[in-house]
Full PDB file with SEQRES, HELIX, SHEET, SSBOND, CRYST1, ORIGX, SCALE, CONECT and MASTER records, all heavy atoms in Angstrom:
SEQRES   1 A   38  ASP LYS GLY ARG GLN LEU PHE ALA GLN PHE TRP PRO MET          
SEQRES   2 A   38  MET TYR LYS GLN TYR SER GLU VAL PHE ALA GLY ILE SER          
SEQRES   3 A   38  GLU ALA GLU TYR GLU THR PHE ILE SER VAL LEU HIS              
HELIX    1 AA1 LYS A    2  VAL A   21  1                                  20    
HELIX    2 AA2 GLU A   27  LEU A   37  1                                  11    
CRYST1    1.000    1.000    1.000  90.00  90.00  90.00 P 1           1          
ORIGX1      1.000000  0.000000  0.000000        0.00000                         
ORIGX2      0.000000  1.000000  0.000000        0.00000                         
ORIGX3      0.000000  0.000000  1.000000        0.00000                         
SCALE1      1.000000  0.000000  0.000000        0.00000                         
SCALE2      0.000000  1.000000  0.000000        0.00000                         
SCALE3      0.000000  0.000000  1.000000        0.00000                         
ATOM      1  N   ASP A   1      -0.046  15.418  -5.679  1.00  0.00           N  
ATOM      2  CA  ASP A   1      -0.937  14.405  -6.276  1.00  0.00           C  
ATOM      3  C   ASP A   1      -0.128  13.170  -6.679  1.00  0.00           C  
ATOM      4  O   ASP A   1      -0.583  12.036  -6.446  1.00  0.00           O  
ATOM      5  CB  ASP A   1      -1.681  14.988  -7.478  1.00  0.00           C  
ATOM      6  CG  ASP A   1      -2.727  15.993  -7.090  1.00  0.00           C  
ATOM      7  OD1 ASP A   1      -3.155  15.975  -5.896  1.00  0.00           O  
ATOM      8  OD2 ASP A   1      -3.150  16.800  -7.955  1.00  0.00           O  
ATOM      9  N   LYS A   2       1.059  13.367  -7.203  1.00  0.00           N  
ATOM     10  CA  LYS A   2       1.899  12.257  -7.600  1.00  0.00           C  
ATOM     11  C   LYS A   2       2.313  11.442  -6.362  1.00  0.00           C  
ATOM     12  O   LYS A   2       2.305  10.185  -6.425  1.00  0.00           O  
ATOM     13  CB  LYS A   2       3.183  12.782  -8.301  1.00  0.00           C  
ATOM     14  CG  LYS A   2       4.091  11.708  -8.805  1.00  0.00           C  
ATOM     15  CD  LYS A   2       5.313  12.318  -9.510  1.00  0.00           C  
ATOM     16  CE  LYS A   2       6.286  11.239  -9.955  1.00  0.00           C  
ATOM     17  NZ  LYS A   2       7.485  11.804 -10.584  1.00  0.00           N  
ATOM     18  N   GLY A   3       2.606  12.067  -5.261  1.00  0.00           N  
ATOM     19  CA  GLY A   3       2.940  11.337  -4.030  1.00  0.00           C  
ATOM     20  C   GLY A   3       1.774  10.552  -3.514  1.00  0.00           C  
ATOM     21  O   GLY A   3       1.917   9.376  -3.077  1.00  0.00           O  
ATOM     22  N   ARG A   4       0.587  11.129  -3.526  1.00  0.00           N  
ATOM     23  CA  ARG A   4      -0.639  10.462  -3.103  1.00  0.00           C  
ATOM     24  C   ARG A   4      -0.947   9.262  -3.960  1.00  0.00           C  
ATOM     25  O   ARG A   4      -1.302   8.142  -3.489  1.00  0.00           O  
ATOM     26  CB  ARG A   4      -1.845  11.363  -3.118  1.00  0.00           C  
ATOM     27  CG  ARG A   4      -2.221  11.964  -1.800  1.00  0.00           C  
ATOM     28  CD  ARG A   4      -3.485  12.761  -1.794  1.00  0.00           C  
ATOM     29  NE  ARG A   4      -3.456  13.962  -2.613  1.00  0.00           N  
ATOM     30  CZ  ARG A   4      -2.794  15.050  -2.324  1.00  0.00           C  
ATOM     31  NH1 ARG A   4      -2.117  15.114  -1.213  1.00  0.00           N  
ATOM     32  NH2 ARG A   4      -2.796  16.090  -3.114  1.00  0.00           N  
ATOM     33  N   GLN A   5      -0.742   9.403  -5.269  1.00  0.00           N  
ATOM     34  CA  GLN A   5      -0.981   8.298  -6.211  1.00  0.00           C  
ATOM     35  C   GLN A   5       0.001   7.159  -5.981  1.00  0.00           C  
ATOM     36  O   GLN A   5      -0.364   5.971  -6.000  1.00  0.00           O  
ATOM     37  CB  GLN A   5      -0.875   8.782  -7.643  1.00  0.00           C  
ATOM     38  CG  GLN A   5      -2.057   9.643  -8.065  1.00  0.00           C  
ATOM     39  CD  GLN A   5      -1.815  10.350  -9.417  1.00  0.00           C  
ATOM     40  OE1 GLN A   5      -0.782  10.162 -10.066  1.00  0.00           O  
ATOM     41  NE2 GLN A   5      -2.778  11.184  -9.813  1.00  0.00           N  
ATOM     42  N   LEU A   6       1.253   7.493  -5.721  1.00  0.00           N  
ATOM     43  CA  LEU A   6       2.279   6.454  -5.455  1.00  0.00           C  
ATOM     44  C   LEU A   6       1.965   5.713  -4.202  1.00  0.00           C  
ATOM     45  O   LEU A   6       2.013   4.480  -4.106  1.00  0.00           O  
ATOM     46  CB  LEU A   6       3.684   7.088  -5.424  1.00  0.00           C  
ATOM     47  CG  LEU A   6       4.841   6.120  -5.239  1.00  0.00           C  
ATOM     48  CD1 LEU A   6       4.857   5.059  -6.354  1.00  0.00           C  
ATOM     49  CD2 LEU A   6       6.133   6.869  -5.191  1.00  0.00           C  
ATOM     50  N   PHE A   7       1.574   6.454  -3.142  1.00  0.00           N  
ATOM     51  CA  PHE A   7       1.169   5.815  -1.890  1.00  0.00           C  
ATOM     52  C   PHE A   7      -0.007   4.854  -2.162  1.00  0.00           C  
ATOM     53  O   PHE A   7      -0.039   3.713  -1.659  1.00  0.00           O  
ATOM     54  CB  PHE A   7       0.820   6.854  -0.844  1.00  0.00           C  
ATOM     55  CG  PHE A   7       0.363   6.204   0.453  1.00  0.00           C  
ATOM     56  CD1 PHE A   7       1.295   5.583   1.297  1.00  0.00           C  
ATOM     57  CD2 PHE A   7      -0.987   6.232   0.829  1.00  0.00           C  
ATOM     58  CE1 PHE A   7       0.836   4.960   2.471  1.00  0.00           C  
ATOM     59  CE2 PHE A   7      -1.416   5.606   1.987  1.00  0.00           C  
ATOM     60  CZ  PHE A   7      -0.507   4.996   2.818  1.00  0.00           C  
ATOM     61  N   ALA A   8      -1.023   5.310  -2.915  1.00  0.00           N  
ATOM     62  CA  ALA A   8      -2.167   4.516  -3.193  1.00  0.00           C  
ATOM     63  C   ALA A   8      -1.806   3.243  -3.952  1.00  0.00           C  
ATOM     64  O   ALA A   8      -2.433   2.194  -3.800  1.00  0.00           O  
ATOM     65  CB  ALA A   8      -3.194   5.308  -3.986  1.00  0.00           C  
ATOM     66  N   GLN A   9      -0.743   3.327  -4.771  1.00  0.00           N  
ATOM     67  CA  GLN A   9      -0.299   2.150  -5.499  1.00  0.00           C  
ATOM     68  C   GLN A   9       0.400   1.111  -4.604  1.00  0.00           C  
ATOM     69  O   GLN A   9       0.151  -0.094  -4.758  1.00  0.00           O  
ATOM     70  CB  GLN A   9       0.714   2.516  -6.611  1.00  0.00           C  
ATOM     71  CG  GLN A   9       0.084   3.211  -7.791  1.00  0.00           C  
ATOM     72  CD  GLN A   9       1.139   3.638  -8.809  1.00  0.00           C  
ATOM     73  OE1 GLN A   9       2.324   3.757  -8.497  1.00  0.00           O  
ATOM     74  NE2 GLN A   9       0.701   3.862 -10.069  1.00  0.00           N  
ATOM     75  N   PHE A  10       1.199   1.518  -3.671  1.00  0.00           N  
ATOM     76  CA  PHE A  10       1.911   0.537  -2.839  1.00  0.00           C  
ATOM     77  C   PHE A  10       1.119   0.161  -1.552  1.00  0.00           C  
ATOM     78  O   PHE A  10       1.425  -0.899  -0.972  1.00  0.00           O  
ATOM     79  CB  PHE A  10       3.346   0.896  -2.559  1.00  0.00           C  
ATOM     80  CG  PHE A  10       3.582   1.901  -1.473  1.00  0.00           C  
ATOM     81  CD1 PHE A  10       3.458   1.613  -0.126  1.00  0.00           C  
ATOM     82  CD2 PHE A  10       3.967   3.200  -1.810  1.00  0.00           C  
ATOM     83  CE1 PHE A  10       3.660   2.523   0.852  1.00  0.00           C  
ATOM     84  CE2 PHE A  10       4.208   4.149  -0.834  1.00  0.00           C  
ATOM     85  CZ  PHE A  10       4.042   3.822   0.516  1.00  0.00           C  
ATOM     86  N   TRP A  11       0.136   0.942  -1.148  1.00  0.00           N  
ATOM     87  CA  TRP A  11      -0.600   0.614   0.053  1.00  0.00           C  
ATOM     88  C   TRP A  11      -1.224  -0.779   0.037  1.00  0.00           C  
ATOM     89  O   TRP A  11      -1.110  -1.497   1.044  1.00  0.00           O  
ATOM     90  CB  TRP A  11      -1.641   1.686   0.372  1.00  0.00           C  
ATOM     91  CG  TRP A  11      -2.585   1.264   1.469  1.00  0.00           C  
ATOM     92  CD1 TRP A  11      -3.901   1.038   1.374  1.00  0.00           C  
ATOM     93  CD2 TRP A  11      -2.220   1.005   2.852  1.00  0.00           C  
ATOM     94  NE1 TRP A  11      -4.385   0.663   2.600  1.00  0.00           N  
ATOM     95  CE2 TRP A  11      -3.384   0.612   3.514  1.00  0.00           C  
ATOM     96  CE3 TRP A  11      -1.022   1.052   3.577  1.00  0.00           C  
ATOM     97  CZ2 TRP A  11      -3.396   0.298   4.892  1.00  0.00           C  
ATOM     98  CZ3 TRP A  11      -1.028   0.720   4.905  1.00  0.00           C  
ATOM     99  CH2 TRP A  11      -2.214   0.338   5.554  1.00  0.00           C  
ATOM    100  N   PRO A  12      -1.862  -1.232  -1.044  1.00  0.00           N  
ATOM    101  CA  PRO A  12      -2.437  -2.594  -0.994  1.00  0.00           C  
ATOM    102  C   PRO A  12      -1.370  -3.689  -0.692  1.00  0.00           C  
ATOM    103  O   PRO A  12      -1.646  -4.626   0.057  1.00  0.00           O  
ATOM    104  CB  PRO A  12      -3.029  -2.774  -2.397  1.00  0.00           C  
ATOM    105  CG  PRO A  12      -3.336  -1.409  -2.865  1.00  0.00           C  
ATOM    106  CD  PRO A  12      -2.219  -0.558  -2.267  1.00  0.00           C  
ATOM    107  N   MET A  13      -0.162  -3.548  -1.263  1.00  0.00           N  
ATOM    108  CA  MET A  13       0.902  -4.507  -0.969  1.00  0.00           C  
ATOM    109  C   MET A  13       1.323  -4.428   0.498  1.00  0.00           C  
ATOM    110  O   MET A  13       1.527  -5.415   1.164  1.00  0.00           O  
ATOM    111  CB  MET A  13       2.063  -4.186  -1.902  1.00  0.00           C  
ATOM    112  CG  MET A  13       3.347  -4.956  -1.636  1.00  0.00           C  
ATOM    113  SD  MET A  13       4.415  -4.297  -0.337  1.00  0.00           S  
ATOM    114  CE  MET A  13       4.661  -2.583  -0.782  1.00  0.00           C  
ATOM    115  N   MET A  14       1.391  -3.225   1.025  1.00  0.00           N  
ATOM    116  CA  MET A  14       1.785  -3.002   2.406  1.00  0.00           C  
ATOM    117  C   MET A  14       0.702  -3.595   3.348  1.00  0.00           C  
ATOM    118  O   MET A  14       1.019  -4.235   4.335  1.00  0.00           O  
ATOM    119  CB  MET A  14       1.964  -1.526   2.661  1.00  0.00           C  
ATOM    120  CG  MET A  14       2.587  -1.175   3.983  1.00  0.00           C  
ATOM    121  SD  MET A  14       2.914   0.604   4.006  1.00  0.00           S  
ATOM    122  CE  MET A  14       3.479   0.779   5.684  1.00  0.00           C  
ATOM    123  N   TYR A  15      -0.553  -3.385   3.011  1.00  0.00           N  
ATOM    124  CA  TYR A  15      -1.687  -3.869   3.819  1.00  0.00           C  
ATOM    125  C   TYR A  15      -1.681  -5.405   3.795  1.00  0.00           C  
ATOM    126  O   TYR A  15      -1.932  -6.073   4.804  1.00  0.00           O  
ATOM    127  CB  TYR A  15      -3.019  -3.311   3.370  1.00  0.00           C  
ATOM    128  CG  TYR A  15      -4.125  -3.732   4.279  1.00  0.00           C  
ATOM    129  CD1 TYR A  15      -4.306  -3.091   5.486  1.00  0.00           C  
ATOM    130  CD2 TYR A  15      -4.955  -4.817   3.974  1.00  0.00           C  
ATOM    131  CE1 TYR A  15      -5.310  -3.514   6.369  1.00  0.00           C  
ATOM    132  CE2 TYR A  15      -5.933  -5.226   4.829  1.00  0.00           C  
ATOM    133  CZ  TYR A  15      -6.132  -4.571   6.031  1.00  0.00           C  
ATOM    134  OH  TYR A  15      -7.079  -4.983   6.895  1.00  0.00           O  
ATOM    135  N   LYS A  16      -1.370  -5.967   2.633  1.00  0.00           N  
ATOM    136  CA  LYS A  16      -1.342  -7.448   2.509  1.00  0.00           C  
ATOM    137  C   LYS A  16      -0.254  -8.005   3.447  1.00  0.00           C  
ATOM    138  O   LYS A  16      -0.477  -8.973   4.151  1.00  0.00           O  
ATOM    139  CB  LYS A  16      -1.056  -7.838   1.066  1.00  0.00           C  
ATOM    140  CG  LYS A  16      -0.978  -9.356   0.846  1.00  0.00           C  
ATOM    141  CD  LYS A  16      -0.703  -9.637  -0.662  1.00  0.00           C  
ATOM    142  CE  LYS A  16      -0.636 -11.133  -0.933  1.00  0.00           C  
ATOM    143  NZ  LYS A  16       0.588 -11.783  -0.478  1.00  0.00           N  
ATOM    144  N   GLN A  17       0.903  -7.392   3.445  1.00  0.00           N  
ATOM    145  CA  GLN A  17       1.983  -7.846   4.293  1.00  0.00           C  
ATOM    146  C   GLN A  17       1.594  -7.680   5.776  1.00  0.00           C  
ATOM    147  O   GLN A  17       1.831  -8.552   6.593  1.00  0.00           O  
ATOM    148  CB  GLN A  17       3.271  -7.054   4.011  1.00  0.00           C  
ATOM    149  CG  GLN A  17       4.467  -7.576   4.748  1.00  0.00           C  
ATOM    150  CD  GLN A  17       5.775  -6.948   4.295  1.00  0.00           C  
ATOM    151  OE1 GLN A  17       5.940  -6.603   3.137  1.00  0.00           O  
ATOM    152  NE2 GLN A  17       6.659  -6.726   5.256  1.00  0.00           N  
ATOM    153  N   TYR A  18       0.955  -6.601   6.135  1.00  0.00           N  
ATOM    154  CA  TYR A  18       0.478  -6.315   7.466  1.00  0.00           C  
ATOM    155  C   TYR A  18      -0.499  -7.398   7.881  1.00  0.00           C  
ATOM    156  O   TYR A  18      -0.448  -7.973   8.989  1.00  0.00           O  
ATOM    157  CB  TYR A  18      -0.136  -4.907   7.501  1.00  0.00           C  
ATOM    158  CG  TYR A  18      -1.045  -4.564   8.635  1.00  0.00           C  
ATOM    159  CD1 TYR A  18      -0.557  -4.275   9.891  1.00  0.00           C  
ATOM    160  CD2 TYR A  18      -2.435  -4.492   8.422  1.00  0.00           C  
ATOM    161  CE1 TYR A  18      -1.374  -3.908  10.935  1.00  0.00           C  
ATOM    162  CE2 TYR A  18      -3.281  -4.136   9.489  1.00  0.00           C  
ATOM    163  CZ  TYR A  18      -2.762  -3.853  10.714  1.00  0.00           C  
ATOM    164  OH  TYR A  18      -3.615  -3.512  11.740  1.00  0.00           O  
ATOM    165  N   SER A  19      -1.439  -7.757   6.985  1.00  0.00           N  
ATOM    166  CA  SER A  19      -2.429  -8.771   7.288  1.00  0.00           C  
ATOM    167  C   SER A  19      -1.761 -10.125   7.515  1.00  0.00           C  
ATOM    168  O   SER A  19      -2.207 -10.914   8.370  1.00  0.00           O  
ATOM    169  CB  SER A  19      -3.451  -8.902   6.111  1.00  0.00           C  
ATOM    170  OG  SER A  19      -4.163  -7.659   5.984  1.00  0.00           O  
ATOM    171  N   GLU A  20      -0.746 -10.445   6.717  1.00  0.00           N  
ATOM    172  CA  GLU A  20      -0.039 -11.687   6.857  1.00  0.00           C  
ATOM    173  C   GLU A  20       0.646 -11.805   8.203  1.00  0.00           C  
ATOM    174  O   GLU A  20       0.674 -12.869   8.808  1.00  0.00           O  
ATOM    175  CB  GLU A  20       0.958 -11.899   5.704  1.00  0.00           C  
ATOM    176  CG  GLU A  20       0.272 -12.138   4.405  1.00  0.00           C  
ATOM    177  CD  GLU A  20       1.219 -12.092   3.175  1.00  0.00           C  
ATOM    178  OE1 GLU A  20       2.434 -11.841   3.394  1.00  0.00           O  
ATOM    179  OE2 GLU A  20       0.722 -12.300   2.066  1.00  0.00           O  
ATOM    180  N   VAL A  21       1.202 -10.694   8.685  1.00  0.00           N  
ATOM    181  CA  VAL A  21       1.909 -10.686   9.974  1.00  0.00           C  
ATOM    182  C   VAL A  21       0.906 -11.050  11.128  1.00  0.00           C  
ATOM    183  O   VAL A  21       1.261 -11.686  12.062  1.00  0.00           O  
ATOM    184  CB  VAL A  21       2.559  -9.302  10.238  1.00  0.00           C  
ATOM    185  CG1 VAL A  21       3.022  -9.156  11.698  1.00  0.00           C  
ATOM    186  CG2 VAL A  21       3.728  -9.102   9.311  1.00  0.00           C  
ATOM    187  N   PHE A  22      -0.339 -10.598  10.971  1.00  0.00           N  
ATOM    188  CA  PHE A  22      -1.335 -10.802  12.002  1.00  0.00           C  
ATOM    189  C   PHE A  22      -2.324 -11.944  11.706  1.00  0.00           C  
ATOM    190  O   PHE A  22      -3.354 -12.066  12.378  1.00  0.00           O  
ATOM    191  CB  PHE A  22      -2.038  -9.480  12.307  1.00  0.00           C  
ATOM    192  CG  PHE A  22      -1.203  -8.518  13.053  1.00  0.00           C  
ATOM    193  CD1 PHE A  22      -0.527  -7.521  12.374  1.00  0.00           C  
ATOM    194  CD2 PHE A  22      -0.969  -8.677  14.417  1.00  0.00           C  
ATOM    195  CE1 PHE A  22       0.316  -6.643  13.064  1.00  0.00           C  
ATOM    196  CE2 PHE A  22      -0.121  -7.811  15.099  1.00  0.00           C  
ATOM    197  CZ  PHE A  22       0.497  -6.774  14.408  1.00  0.00           C  
ATOM    198  N   ALA A  23      -1.983 -12.770  10.757  1.00  0.00           N  
ATOM    199  CA  ALA A  23      -2.833 -13.918  10.403  1.00  0.00           C  
ATOM    200  C   ALA A  23      -3.003 -14.810  11.632  1.00  0.00           C  
ATOM    201  O   ALA A  23      -2.030 -15.086  12.380  1.00  0.00           O  
ATOM    202  CB  ALA A  23      -2.258 -14.703   9.259  1.00  0.00           C  
ATOM    203  N   GLY A  24      -4.203 -15.268  11.875  1.00  0.00           N  
ATOM    204  CA  GLY A  24      -4.453 -16.151  13.034  1.00  0.00           C  
ATOM    205  C   GLY A  24      -4.541 -15.514  14.378  1.00  0.00           C  
ATOM    206  O   GLY A  24      -4.635 -16.164  15.403  1.00  0.00           O  
ATOM    207  N   ILE A  25      -4.476 -14.177  14.392  1.00  0.00           N  
ATOM    208  CA  ILE A  25      -4.534 -13.433  15.640  1.00  0.00           C  
ATOM    209  C   ILE A  25      -5.934 -12.795  15.739  1.00  0.00           C  
ATOM    210  O   ILE A  25      -6.361 -12.097  14.835  1.00  0.00           O  
ATOM    211  CB  ILE A  25      -3.417 -12.377  15.702  1.00  0.00           C  
ATOM    212  CG1 ILE A  25      -2.052 -13.088  15.740  1.00  0.00           C  
ATOM    213  CG2 ILE A  25      -3.599 -11.444  16.914  1.00  0.00           C  
ATOM    214  CD1 ILE A  25      -0.885 -12.206  15.581  1.00  0.00           C  
ATOM    215  N   SER A  26      -6.624 -13.081  16.839  1.00  0.00           N  
ATOM    216  CA  SER A  26      -7.985 -12.568  17.000  1.00  0.00           C  
ATOM    217  C   SER A  26      -7.994 -11.063  17.224  1.00  0.00           C  
ATOM    218  O   SER A  26      -6.974 -10.468  17.550  1.00  0.00           O  
ATOM    219  CB  SER A  26      -8.661 -13.267  18.201  1.00  0.00           C  
ATOM    220  OG  SER A  26      -8.110 -12.753  19.408  1.00  0.00           O  
ATOM    221  N   GLU A  27      -9.145 -10.521  17.040  1.00  0.00           N  
ATOM    222  CA  GLU A  27      -9.345  -9.035  17.283  1.00  0.00           C  
ATOM    223  C   GLU A  27      -8.987  -8.701  18.715  1.00  0.00           C  
ATOM    224  O   GLU A  27      -8.327  -7.694  18.967  1.00  0.00           O  
ATOM    225  CB  GLU A  27     -10.766  -8.637  16.927  1.00  0.00           C  
ATOM    226  CG  GLU A  27     -11.010  -7.150  16.989  1.00  0.00           C  
ATOM    227  CD  GLU A  27     -10.282  -6.347  15.942  1.00  0.00           C  
ATOM    228  OE1 GLU A  27     -10.032  -6.882  14.819  1.00  0.00           O  
ATOM    229  OE2 GLU A  27      -9.900  -5.173  16.184  1.00  0.00           O  
ATOM    230  N   ALA A  28      -9.408  -9.530  19.624  1.00  0.00           N  
ATOM    231  CA  ALA A  28      -9.087  -9.266  21.066  1.00  0.00           C  
ATOM    232  C   ALA A  28      -7.587  -9.337  21.348  1.00  0.00           C  
ATOM    233  O   ALA A  28      -7.040  -8.500  22.051  1.00  0.00           O  
ATOM    234  CB  ALA A  28      -9.848 -10.276  21.935  1.00  0.00           C  
ATOM    235  N   GLU A  29      -6.931 -10.327  20.741  1.00  0.00           N  
ATOM    236  CA  GLU A  29      -5.472 -10.446  20.899  1.00  0.00           C  
ATOM    237  C   GLU A  29      -4.804  -9.218  20.309  1.00  0.00           C  
ATOM    238  O   GLU A  29      -3.813  -8.674  20.888  1.00  0.00           O  
ATOM    239  CB  GLU A  29      -4.937 -11.688  20.215  1.00  0.00           C  
ATOM    240  CG  GLU A  29      -5.298 -12.988  20.946  1.00  0.00           C  
ATOM    241  CD  GLU A  29      -4.933 -14.228  20.122  1.00  0.00           C  
ATOM    242  OE1 GLU A  29      -5.178 -14.239  18.912  1.00  0.00           O  
ATOM    243  OE2 GLU A  29      -4.400 -15.163  20.747  1.00  0.00           O  
ATOM    244  N   TYR A  30      -5.245  -8.791  19.134  1.00  0.00           N  
ATOM    245  CA  TYR A  30      -4.661  -7.648  18.480  1.00  0.00           C  
ATOM    246  C   TYR A  30      -4.868  -6.385  19.324  1.00  0.00           C  
ATOM    247  O   TYR A  30      -3.894  -5.631  19.516  1.00  0.00           O  
ATOM    248  CB  TYR A  30      -5.314  -7.416  17.087  1.00  0.00           C  
ATOM    249  CG  TYR A  30      -4.752  -6.264  16.325  1.00  0.00           C  
ATOM    250  CD1 TYR A  30      -3.554  -6.376  15.637  1.00  0.00           C  
ATOM    251  CD2 TYR A  30      -5.369  -5.004  16.314  1.00  0.00           C  
ATOM    252  CE1 TYR A  30      -3.002  -5.302  14.943  1.00  0.00           C  
ATOM    253  CE2 TYR A  30      -4.859  -3.941  15.637  1.00  0.00           C  
ATOM    254  CZ  TYR A  30      -3.655  -4.094  14.963  1.00  0.00           C  
ATOM    255  OH  TYR A  30      -3.089  -3.041  14.308  1.00  0.00           O  
ATOM    256  N   GLU A  31      -6.029  -6.155  19.868  1.00  0.00           N  
ATOM    257  CA  GLU A  31      -6.310  -4.982  20.679  1.00  0.00           C  
ATOM    258  C   GLU A  31      -5.423  -5.010  21.961  1.00  0.00           C  
ATOM    259  O   GLU A  31      -4.905  -3.985  22.336  1.00  0.00           O  
ATOM    260  CB  GLU A  31      -7.754  -4.894  21.050  1.00  0.00           C  
ATOM    261  CG  GLU A  31      -8.662  -4.537  19.898  1.00  0.00           C  
ATOM    262  CD  GLU A  31      -8.265  -3.216  19.194  1.00  0.00           C  
ATOM    263  OE1 GLU A  31      -7.870  -2.256  19.840  1.00  0.00           O  
ATOM    264  OE2 GLU A  31      -8.329  -3.207  17.929  1.00  0.00           O  
ATOM    265  N   THR A  32      -5.248  -6.173  22.549  1.00  0.00           N  
ATOM    266  CA  THR A  32      -4.370  -6.313  23.723  1.00  0.00           C  
ATOM    267  C   THR A  32      -2.929  -6.019  23.340  1.00  0.00           C  
ATOM    268  O   THR A  32      -2.218  -5.272  24.056  1.00  0.00           O  
ATOM    269  CB  THR A  32      -4.466  -7.711  24.324  1.00  0.00           C  
ATOM    270  OG1 THR A  32      -5.816  -7.943  24.751  1.00  0.00           O  
ATOM    271  CG2 THR A  32      -3.548  -7.913  25.502  1.00  0.00           C  
ATOM    272  N   PHE A  33      -2.490  -6.538  22.228  1.00  0.00           N  
ATOM    273  CA  PHE A  33      -1.127  -6.305  21.695  1.00  0.00           C  
ATOM    274  C   PHE A  33      -0.864  -4.852  21.507  1.00  0.00           C  
ATOM    275  O   PHE A  33       0.140  -4.276  21.954  1.00  0.00           O  
ATOM    276  CB  PHE A  33      -0.949  -7.102  20.405  1.00  0.00           C  
ATOM    277  CG  PHE A  33       0.364  -6.914  19.746  1.00  0.00           C  
ATOM    278  CD1 PHE A  33       1.557  -7.368  20.313  1.00  0.00           C  
ATOM    279  CD2 PHE A  33       0.457  -6.269  18.510  1.00  0.00           C  
ATOM    280  CE1 PHE A  33       2.770  -7.209  19.691  1.00  0.00           C  
ATOM    281  CE2 PHE A  33       1.665  -6.102  17.889  1.00  0.00           C  
ATOM    282  CZ  PHE A  33       2.807  -6.541  18.464  1.00  0.00           C  
ATOM    283  N   ILE A  34      -1.796  -4.141  20.856  1.00  0.00           N  
ATOM    284  CA  ILE A  34      -1.644  -2.697  20.601  1.00  0.00           C  
ATOM    285  C   ILE A  34      -1.615  -1.922  21.903  1.00  0.00           C  
ATOM    286  O   ILE A  34      -0.781  -1.011  22.099  1.00  0.00           O  
ATOM    287  CB  ILE A  34      -2.813  -2.173  19.709  1.00  0.00           C  
ATOM    288  CG1 ILE A  34      -2.712  -2.797  18.304  1.00  0.00           C  
ATOM    289  CG2 ILE A  34      -2.805  -0.640  19.597  1.00  0.00           C  
ATOM    290  CD1 ILE A  34      -1.405  -2.490  17.519  1.00  0.00           C  
ATOM    291  N   SER A  35      -2.437  -2.315  22.858  1.00  0.00           N  
ATOM    292  CA  SER A  35      -2.452  -1.647  24.174  1.00  0.00           C  
ATOM    293  C   SER A  35      -1.092  -1.838  24.857  1.00  0.00           C  
ATOM    294  O   SER A  35      -0.529  -0.862  25.426  1.00  0.00           O  
ATOM    295  CB  SER A  35      -3.561  -2.250  25.024  1.00  0.00           C  
ATOM    296  OG  SER A  35      -3.555  -1.677  26.327  1.00  0.00           O  
ATOM    297  N   VAL A  36      -0.551  -3.025  24.828  1.00  0.00           N  
ATOM    298  CA  VAL A  36       0.753  -3.301  25.462  1.00  0.00           C  
ATOM    299  C   VAL A  36       1.846  -2.494  24.732  1.00  0.00           C  
ATOM    300  O   VAL A  36       2.701  -1.927  25.416  1.00  0.00           O  
ATOM    301  CB  VAL A  36       1.070  -4.840  25.424  1.00  0.00           C  
ATOM    302  CG1 VAL A  36       2.506  -5.075  25.840  1.00  0.00           C  
ATOM    303  CG2 VAL A  36       0.078  -5.544  26.357  1.00  0.00           C  
ATOM    304  N   LEU A  37       1.822  -2.456  23.414  1.00  0.00           N  
ATOM    305  CA  LEU A  37       2.807  -1.699  22.666  1.00  0.00           C  
ATOM    306  C   LEU A  37       2.757  -0.208  23.078  1.00  0.00           C  
ATOM    307  O   LEU A  37       3.813   0.453  23.228  1.00  0.00           O  
ATOM    308  CB  LEU A  37       2.627  -1.834  21.141  1.00  0.00           C  
ATOM    309  CG  LEU A  37       3.010  -3.180  20.570  1.00  0.00           C  
ATOM    310  CD1 LEU A  37       2.664  -3.221  19.113  1.00  0.00           C  
ATOM    311  CD2 LEU A  37       4.489  -3.487  20.816  1.00  0.00           C  
ATOM    312  N   HIS A  38       1.554   0.360  23.202  1.00  0.00           N  
ATOM    313  CA  HIS A  38       1.453   1.742  23.618  1.00  0.00           C  
ATOM    314  C   HIS A  38       2.032   1.980  25.019  1.00  0.00           C  
ATOM    315  O   HIS A  38       2.688   2.974  25.249  1.00  0.00           O  
ATOM    316  CB  HIS A  38      -0.004   2.220  23.567  1.00  0.00           C  
ATOM    317  CG  HIS A  38      -0.452   2.561  22.192  1.00  0.00           C  
ATOM    318  ND1 HIS A  38      -0.119   3.732  21.541  1.00  0.00           N  
ATOM    319  CD2 HIS A  38      -1.193   1.858  21.301  1.00  0.00           C  
ATOM    320  CE1 HIS A  38      -0.593   3.756  20.339  1.00  0.00           C  
ATOM    321  NE2 HIS A  38      -1.262   2.636  20.136  1.00  0.00           N  
TER     322      HIS A  38                                                      
MASTER        0    0    0    2    0    0    0    6  321    1    0    3          
END                                                                             
């Protein structure tokens, strides 16, 4: 439970950083990018 709570605390910060990395990138570009990475 403590580990889950800690993850829940830092996830919003991690998601914010993730969102910033992909700012200005369309959904179609993102899906193409993910496909290429795979």
